[in-house]
């Protein structure tokens, strides 16, 4: 089970074998430690040493994320370490293998972008959106024709992959701007929005999704800081940014668009004092995204949850690195 803690004046304590969440002096939640897989903190507060020791003893990942989707830190048990896998991951980040996997990450993202706007436009039938959908189809074809060879310069090839991704994303967000209500006034994707409800929701949703991906990456022994596509920058968990590309649209974007289109969250839900979603809206969005992550769908002729697919994709990545096998990304045609 994932535990998400948001808001102010929160404290995590230990009581026997239980994790207790306090708000000021009031207990608001408690749960047995053996029922928790990971804890995501988006709150201001404190954690006791006893609570940290209990988490380590029960292999509970502690992930702190800000409202822009950036991970502040990940605390993990020393039991979850695989040096052989990590060495292969470091090698792949600088060789042909990593490029092939990176191409799969972005191919899957493009296909999910195309299917998402196709689904959103199914009833609206906006002509301009259909034109953009065809543009993304062409982006996918062009990217498929981009060949990776053993002699390629790694840095140059990564930049080319990111270039293809950038073109498709510009098209995708243009389509989204046409599909959302006019009064929302969404123009483009912005990671640091100013009183922009859609971008604030996307940032918060991606942060929750990132914590789910981080849990699997750390559990399976990968290094979250070593990306195969995204550059290694100080304090950035680049591998999480790689793997999240396959899941943004199906899990977060569709959830955000549903809440906007049904007017459950709108521009009045922005707290202009700190330029973020109000707490109640964050709770609603977090609940919807976690429900989506644990919802059932049919994928590869099997009934699974998105949580299981994320786990399986991470395992596929591990297998690809350890056994030098092909990696296939996740996407849906709807």
Protein backbone atom coordinates (compact mmCIF):
# COMPACT_ATOMS: atom_id res chain seq x y z
CA UNK A 1 0.00 0.00 0.00
CA UNK A 2 1.15 3.53 -0.83
CA UNK A 3 0.68 6.19 1.84
CA UNK A 4 0.55 9.82 0.62
CA UNK A 5 1.01 12.59 3.18
CA UNK A 6 0.18 16.15 2.16
CA UNK A 7 -0.43 19.46 3.91
CA UNK A 8 1.21 21.28 6.81
CA UNK A 9 2.18 20.49 10.42
CA UNK A 10 2.30 16.73 9.82
CA UNK A 11 4.42 14.37 11.92
CA UNK A 12 5.23 10.69 11.30
CA UNK A 13 5.68 8.69 14.50
CA UNK A 14 6.09 5.06 15.52
CA UNK A 15 3.69 3.34 17.90
CA UNK A 16 4.61 -0.31 18.49
CA UNK A 17 4.70 -1.72 14.92
CA UNK A 18 2.50 1.01 13.51
CA UNK A 19 3.13 4.20 11.58
CA UNK A 20 1.13 7.07 13.02
CA UNK A 21 0.39 10.33 11.19
CA UNK A 22 -0.20 13.35 13.42
CA UNK A 23 -1.45 16.83 12.54
CA UNK A 24 -0.28 19.16 15.27
CA UNK A 25 -1.31 17.20 18.38
CA UNK A 26 -4.09 15.16 16.77
CA UNK A 27 -3.75 11.65 15.39
CA UNK A 28 -5.30 11.49 11.91
CA UNK A 29 -4.20 8.07 10.68
CA UNK A 30 -2.38 4.92 11.74
CA UNK A 31 -1.47 1.73 9.89
CA UNK A 32 0.58 -1.38 10.54
CA UNK A 33 4.05 -1.01 9.01
CA UNK A 34 3.88 -4.41 7.31
CA UNK A 35 0.95 -3.16 5.19
CA UNK A 36 2.89 -0.22 3.72
CA UNK A 37 5.15 -0.49 0.65
CA UNK A 38 6.11 3.16 0.35
CA UNK A 39 5.36 6.60 1.76
CA UNK A 40 5.25 9.71 -0.40
CA UNK A 41 5.64 13.00 1.44
CA UNK A 42 4.37 16.25 -0.04
CA UNK A 43 4.01 17.89 3.34
CA UNK A 44 5.71 20.19 5.81
CA UNK A 45 6.48 18.55 9.14
CA UNK A 46 8.65 16.05 10.98
CA UNK A 47 9.62 12.37 11.11
CA UNK A 48 10.90 10.73 14.28
CA UNK A 49 14.02 8.55 14.33
CA UNK A 50 11.92 5.64 15.58
CA UNK A 51 9.61 5.97 12.57
CA UNK A 52 12.60 5.96 10.19
CA UNK A 53 13.99 2.82 11.82
CA UNK A 54 10.60 1.11 11.53
CA UNK A 55 10.44 1.97 7.82
CA UNK A 56 13.94 0.60 7.21
CA UNK A 57 13.13 -2.60 9.11
CA UNK A 58 10.04 -3.15 6.93
CA UNK A 59 11.71 -2.14 3.62
CA UNK A 60 9.40 0.87 3.27
CA UNK A 61 10.59 3.42 0.73
CA UNK A 62 10.29 7.04 1.86
CA UNK A 63 9.99 9.47 -1.05
CA UNK A 64 9.79 13.25 -0.68
CA UNK A 65 8.45 15.19 -3.67
CA UNK A 66 7.73 18.88 -4.21
CA UNK A 67 4.71 20.25 -6.07
CA UNK A 68 6.68 20.60 -9.32
CA UNK A 69 7.17 16.82 -9.48
CA UNK A 70 10.81 16.96 -8.41
CA UNK A 71 11.99 14.34 -5.93
CA UNK A 72 13.80 15.84 -2.96
CA UNK A 73 15.12 12.52 -1.64
CA UNK A 74 14.54 8.77 -1.50
CA UNK A 75 15.31 6.77 1.62
CA UNK A 76 15.60 3.01 1.18
CA UNK A 77 16.69 -0.07 3.08
CA UNK A 78 20.28 -1.28 2.42
CA UNK A 79 18.75 -4.68 1.56
CA UNK A 80 17.72 -3.33 -1.85
CA UNK A 81 21.08 -3.18 -3.61
CA UNK A 82 22.26 -4.97 -6.75
CA UNK A 83 25.70 -3.81 -7.81
CA UNK A 84 25.85 -6.05 -10.91
CA UNK A 85 22.62 -4.56 -12.24
CA UNK A 86 23.75 -1.02 -11.44
CA UNK A 87 27.03 -1.51 -13.33
CA UNK A 88 25.13 -2.70 -16.40
CA UNK A 89 22.80 0.29 -16.05
CA UNK A 90 25.77 2.70 -15.92
CA UNK A 91 27.25 1.08 -19.03
CA UNK A 92 23.93 1.25 -20.89
CA UNK A 93 23.66 4.98 -20.16
CA UNK A 94 26.74 5.46 -22.34
CA UNK A 95 26.28 2.87 -25.08
CA UNK A 96 24.10 1.57 -27.92
CA UNK A 97 21.94 -0.51 -25.55
CA UNK A 98 20.74 2.56 -23.68
CA UNK A 99 19.82 4.30 -26.94
CA UNK A 100 17.63 1.38 -28.04
CA UNK A 101 15.79 1.37 -24.71
CA UNK A 102 15.44 5.16 -24.83
CA UNK A 103 13.87 4.94 -28.26
CA UNK A 104 11.26 2.56 -26.83
CA UNK A 105 10.47 4.97 -23.97
CA UNK A 106 9.72 7.76 -26.44
CA UNK A 107 7.97 5.59 -29.04
CA UNK A 108 5.55 4.47 -26.31
CA UNK A 109 5.03 8.06 -25.18
CA UNK A 110 4.19 9.21 -28.71
CA UNK A 111 1.72 6.34 -29.21
CA UNK A 112 0.02 7.13 -25.90
CA UNK A 113 -0.17 10.81 -26.88
CA UNK A 114 -1.85 9.89 -30.16
CA UNK A 115 -4.36 7.52 -28.54
CA UNK A 116 -5.16 10.02 -25.76
CA UNK A 117 -6.14 12.87 -28.08
CA UNK A 118 -7.99 10.40 -30.31
CA UNK A 119 -10.05 9.26 -27.30
CA UNK A 120 -10.70 12.83 -26.11
CA UNK A 121 -11.78 13.89 -29.60
CA UNK A 122 -14.02 10.87 -30.20
CA UNK A 123 -17.24 12.74 -29.40
CA UNK A 124 -16.10 16.32 -30.01
CA UNK A 125 -14.79 15.60 -33.52
CA UNK A 126 -12.77 18.82 -33.72
CA UNK A 127 -11.27 19.02 -37.20
CA UNK A 128 -8.07 20.76 -36.05
CA UNK A 129 -7.45 18.03 -33.46
CA UNK A 130 -7.80 15.34 -36.12
CA UNK A 131 -5.18 17.16 -38.19
CA UNK A 132 -2.83 17.22 -35.19
CA UNK A 133 -3.48 13.52 -34.54
CA UNK A 134 -2.30 12.82 -38.08
CA UNK A 135 0.78 14.95 -37.43
CA UNK A 136 1.67 12.78 -34.43
CA UNK A 137 1.12 9.67 -36.55
CA UNK A 138 3.70 11.08 -38.94
CA UNK A 139 6.00 11.92 -36.00
CA UNK A 140 5.83 8.24 -34.98
CA UNK A 141 6.62 7.07 -38.52
CA UNK A 142 9.56 9.47 -38.78
CA UNK A 143 10.88 8.30 -35.41
CA UNK A 144 10.54 4.65 -36.42
CA UNK A 145 12.73 5.38 -39.46
CA UNK A 146 15.40 6.90 -37.20
CA UNK A 147 17.99 4.13 -37.01
CA UNK A 148 20.43 3.57 -34.16
CA UNK A 149 23.75 1.91 -34.97
CA UNK A 150 26.75 0.79 -32.95
CA UNK A 151 28.86 3.63 -34.35
CA UNK A 152 26.48 6.42 -33.33
CA UNK A 153 27.69 9.19 -31.06
CA UNK A 154 25.76 8.66 -27.82
CA UNK A 155 25.32 12.34 -26.94
CA UNK A 156 24.21 13.28 -30.47
CA UNK A 157 21.77 10.36 -30.68
CA UNK A 158 20.19 11.21 -27.32
CA UNK A 159 19.67 14.79 -28.50
CA UNK A 160 18.04 13.53 -31.70
CA UNK A 161 15.69 11.28 -29.70
CA UNK A 162 14.75 14.21 -27.46
CA UNK A 163 14.19 16.29 -30.59
CA UNK A 164 11.64 13.82 -31.94
CA UNK A 165 9.97 13.74 -28.52
CA UNK A 166 9.83 17.53 -28.40
CA UNK A 167 8.11 17.85 -31.79
CA UNK A 168 5.44 15.27 -30.89
CA UNK A 169 4.85 16.90 -27.50
CA UNK A 170 4.33 20.36 -29.02
CA UNK A 171 1.68 18.82 -31.27
CA UNK A 172 0.10 16.92 -28.38
CA UNK A 173 -0.26 19.95 -26.10
CA UNK A 174 -1.64 22.03 -28.96
CA UNK A 175 -4.37 19.40 -29.37
CA UNK A 176 -5.03 19.39 -25.62
CA UNK A 177 -5.47 23.19 -25.66
CA UNK A 178 -8.24 22.74 -28.25
CA UNK A 179 -9.94 19.93 -26.33
CA UNK A 180 -10.17 21.57 -22.89
CA UNK A 181 -12.89 24.15 -22.05
CA UNK A 182 -12.16 27.67 -23.34
CA UNK A 183 -12.64 29.21 -19.89
CA UNK A 184 -9.70 27.20 -18.55
CA UNK A 185 -7.46 29.14 -20.95
CA UNK A 186 -4.83 26.39 -21.21
CA UNK A 187 -2.16 27.37 -23.76
CA UNK A 188 0.82 25.05 -23.35
CA UNK A 189 2.67 22.77 -20.96
CA UNK A 190 4.58 24.70 -18.30
CA UNK A 191 6.48 23.02 -15.45
CA UNK A 192 6.47 26.22 -13.37
CA UNK A 193 3.02 27.70 -13.98
CA UNK A 194 1.63 30.90 -12.53
CA UNK A 195 -1.97 30.44 -11.40
CA UNK A 196 -2.51 27.81 -14.11
CA UNK A 197 -4.83 25.08 -12.86
CA UNK A 198 -4.14 22.49 -15.59
CA UNK A 199 -0.36 22.71 -15.35
CA UNK A 200 -0.54 22.71 -11.55
CA UNK A 201 -2.64 19.54 -11.68
CA UNK A 202 -0.26 17.91 -14.16
CA UNK A 203 2.75 18.73 -11.98
CA UNK A 204 1.09 17.31 -8.88
CA UNK A 205 -0.14 14.22 -10.74
CA UNK A 206 3.27 13.54 -12.27
CA UNK A 207 4.78 13.81 -8.79
CA UNK A 208 2.51 11.04 -7.50
CA UNK A 209 3.24 8.91 -10.56
CA UNK A 210 6.98 9.53 -10.12
CA UNK A 211 6.81 8.19 -6.57
CA UNK A 212 5.12 4.99 -7.82
CA UNK A 213 7.84 4.53 -10.44
CA UNK A 214 10.59 5.37 -7.94
CA UNK A 215 9.31 2.66 -5.60
CA UNK A 216 9.67 0.00 -8.30
CA UNK A 217 13.04 1.25 -9.53
CA UNK A 218 14.52 1.21 -6.04
CA UNK A 219 12.92 -2.13 -5.08
CA UNK A 220 14.38 -3.88 -8.13
CA UNK A 221 17.87 -2.54 -7.53
CA UNK A 222 18.19 0.10 -10.26
CA UNK A 223 19.84 3.46 -9.65
CA UNK A 224 17.18 6.19 -9.97
CA UNK A 225 19.87 8.82 -10.59
CA UNK A 226 21.33 7.18 -13.71
CA UNK A 227 19.15 7.87 -16.73
CA UNK A 228 19.44 6.10 -20.06
CA UNK A 229 17.98 9.07 -21.94
CA UNK A 230 17.62 12.06 -19.65
CA UNK A 231 20.91 13.66 -18.68
CA UNK A 232 22.42 13.00 -15.27
CA UNK A 233 22.09 16.25 -13.37
CA UNK A 234 22.75 17.00 -9.73
CA UNK A 235 19.84 15.83 -7.55
CA UNK A 236 17.75 14.67 -10.55
CA UNK A 237 16.52 11.08 -10.58
CA UNK A 238 16.94 10.75 -14.35
CA UNK A 239 15.84 7.11 -14.68
CA UNK A 240 12.48 8.01 -13.16
CA UNK A 241 12.10 10.71 -15.82
CA UNK A 242 12.90 8.04 -18.44
CA UNK A 243 10.39 5.42 -17.35
CA UNK A 244 7.61 7.87 -16.49
CA UNK A 245 7.35 8.80 -20.18
CA UNK A 246 5.37 5.62 -20.90
CA UNK A 247 2.71 6.38 -18.29
CA UNK A 248 2.07 10.14 -18.20
CA UNK A 249 -0.85 10.20 -20.63
CA UNK A 250 -2.76 7.09 -19.61
CA UNK A 251 -2.55 7.64 -15.84
CA UNK A 252 -2.17 11.37 -15.17
CA UNK A 253 -3.24 13.32 -18.26
CA UNK A 254 -6.54 11.48 -18.72
CA UNK A 255 -7.32 11.87 -15.01
CA UNK A 256 -6.59 15.61 -15.08
CA UNK A 257 -8.64 16.15 -18.24
CA UNK A 258 -11.60 14.25 -16.75
CA UNK A 259 -11.60 16.41 -13.61
CA UNK A 260 -11.34 19.58 -15.69
CA UNK A 261 -14.03 18.59 -18.20
CA UNK A 262 -16.45 17.65 -15.41
CA UNK A 263 -15.64 20.91 -13.57
CA UNK A 264 -14.64 19.07 -10.40
CA UNK A 265 -11.50 21.22 -10.38
CA UNK A 266 -11.22 24.63 -12.06
CA UNK A 267 -9.30 27.89 -11.82
CA UNK A 268 -10.96 28.74 -8.48
CA UNK A 269 -9.05 25.82 -6.93
CA UNK A 270 -5.69 27.59 -7.23
CA UNK A 271 -4.26 29.15 -4.06
CA UNK A 272 -2.77 32.34 -5.48
CA UNK A 273 -0.76 33.02 -2.33
CA UNK A 274 1.61 30.11 -2.98
CA UNK A 275 0.70 29.43 -6.63
CA UNK A 276 -0.42 25.82 -6.10
CA UNK A 277 -3.57 23.73 -5.92
CA UNK A 278 -5.61 24.10 -2.76
CA UNK A 279 -5.33 21.19 -0.33
CA UNK A 280 -8.81 19.77 -0.98
CA UNK A 281 -8.16 19.75 -4.73
CA UNK A 282 -4.82 18.01 -4.19
CA UNK A 283 -6.58 15.36 -2.10
CA UNK A 284 -9.20 14.85 -4.82
CA UNK A 285 -6.57 14.61 -7.56
CA UNK A 286 -4.35 12.27 -5.52
CA UNK A 287 -7.31 10.01 -4.79
CA UNK A 288 -8.31 9.88 -8.46
CA UNK A 289 -4.78 9.10 -9.61
CA UNK A 290 -4.28 6.37 -7.01
CA UNK A 291 -7.65 4.89 -8.01
CA UNK A 292 -6.48 4.93 -11.64
CA UNK A 293 -3.15 3.30 -10.74
CA UNK A 294 -5.00 0.46 -9.03
CA UNK A 295 -7.82 0.16 -11.58
CA UNK A 296 -8.14 -2.91 -13.80
CA UNK A 297 -7.56 -2.97 -17.53
CA UNK A 298 -6.86 -5.59 -20.17
CA UNK A 299 -3.30 -5.46 -21.45
CA UNK A 300 -1.62 -8.17 -23.53
CA UNK A 301 -4.74 -10.35 -23.07
CA UNK A 302 -4.45 -10.21 -19.29
CA UNK A 303 -6.49 -8.37 -16.67
CA UNK A 304 -4.04 -6.24 -14.68
CA UNK A 305 -3.76 -2.91 -12.86
CA UNK A 306 -1.60 0.01 -13.92
CA UNK A 307 0.42 -0.59 -10.75
CA UNK A 308 1.21 -4.10 -11.98
CA UNK A 309 2.09 -2.80 -15.45
CA UNK A 310 4.54 -0.29 -13.94
CA UNK A 311 6.09 -3.11 -11.93
CA UNK A 312 6.26 -5.36 -15.01
CA UNK A 313 7.80 -2.65 -17.18
CA UNK A 314 10.47 -2.05 -14.55
CA UNK A 315 11.15 -5.80 -14.44
CA UNK A 316 11.39 -5.83 -18.25
CA UNK A 317 13.97 -3.05 -18.02
CA UNK A 318 15.98 -5.04 -15.47
CA UNK A 319 15.77 -8.18 -17.63
CA UNK A 320 16.85 -6.23 -20.70
CA UNK A 321 19.93 -4.94 -18.89
CA UNK A 322 20.88 -8.24 -17.24
CA UNK A 323 20.25 -10.52 -20.24
CA UNK A 324 20.84 -8.05 -23.08
CA UNK A 325 17.33 -8.69 -24.42
CA UNK A 326 15.03 -6.33 -26.29
CA UNK A 327 12.94 -3.89 -24.24
CA UNK A 328 9.35 -3.21 -25.34
CA UNK A 329 7.54 -0.16 -24.01
CA UNK A 330 3.97 0.20 -22.75
CA UNK A 331 1.23 1.89 -24.75
CA UNK A 332 -2.50 1.60 -25.35
CA UNK A 333 -4.39 2.20 -28.56
CA UNK A 334 -7.27 3.86 -26.72
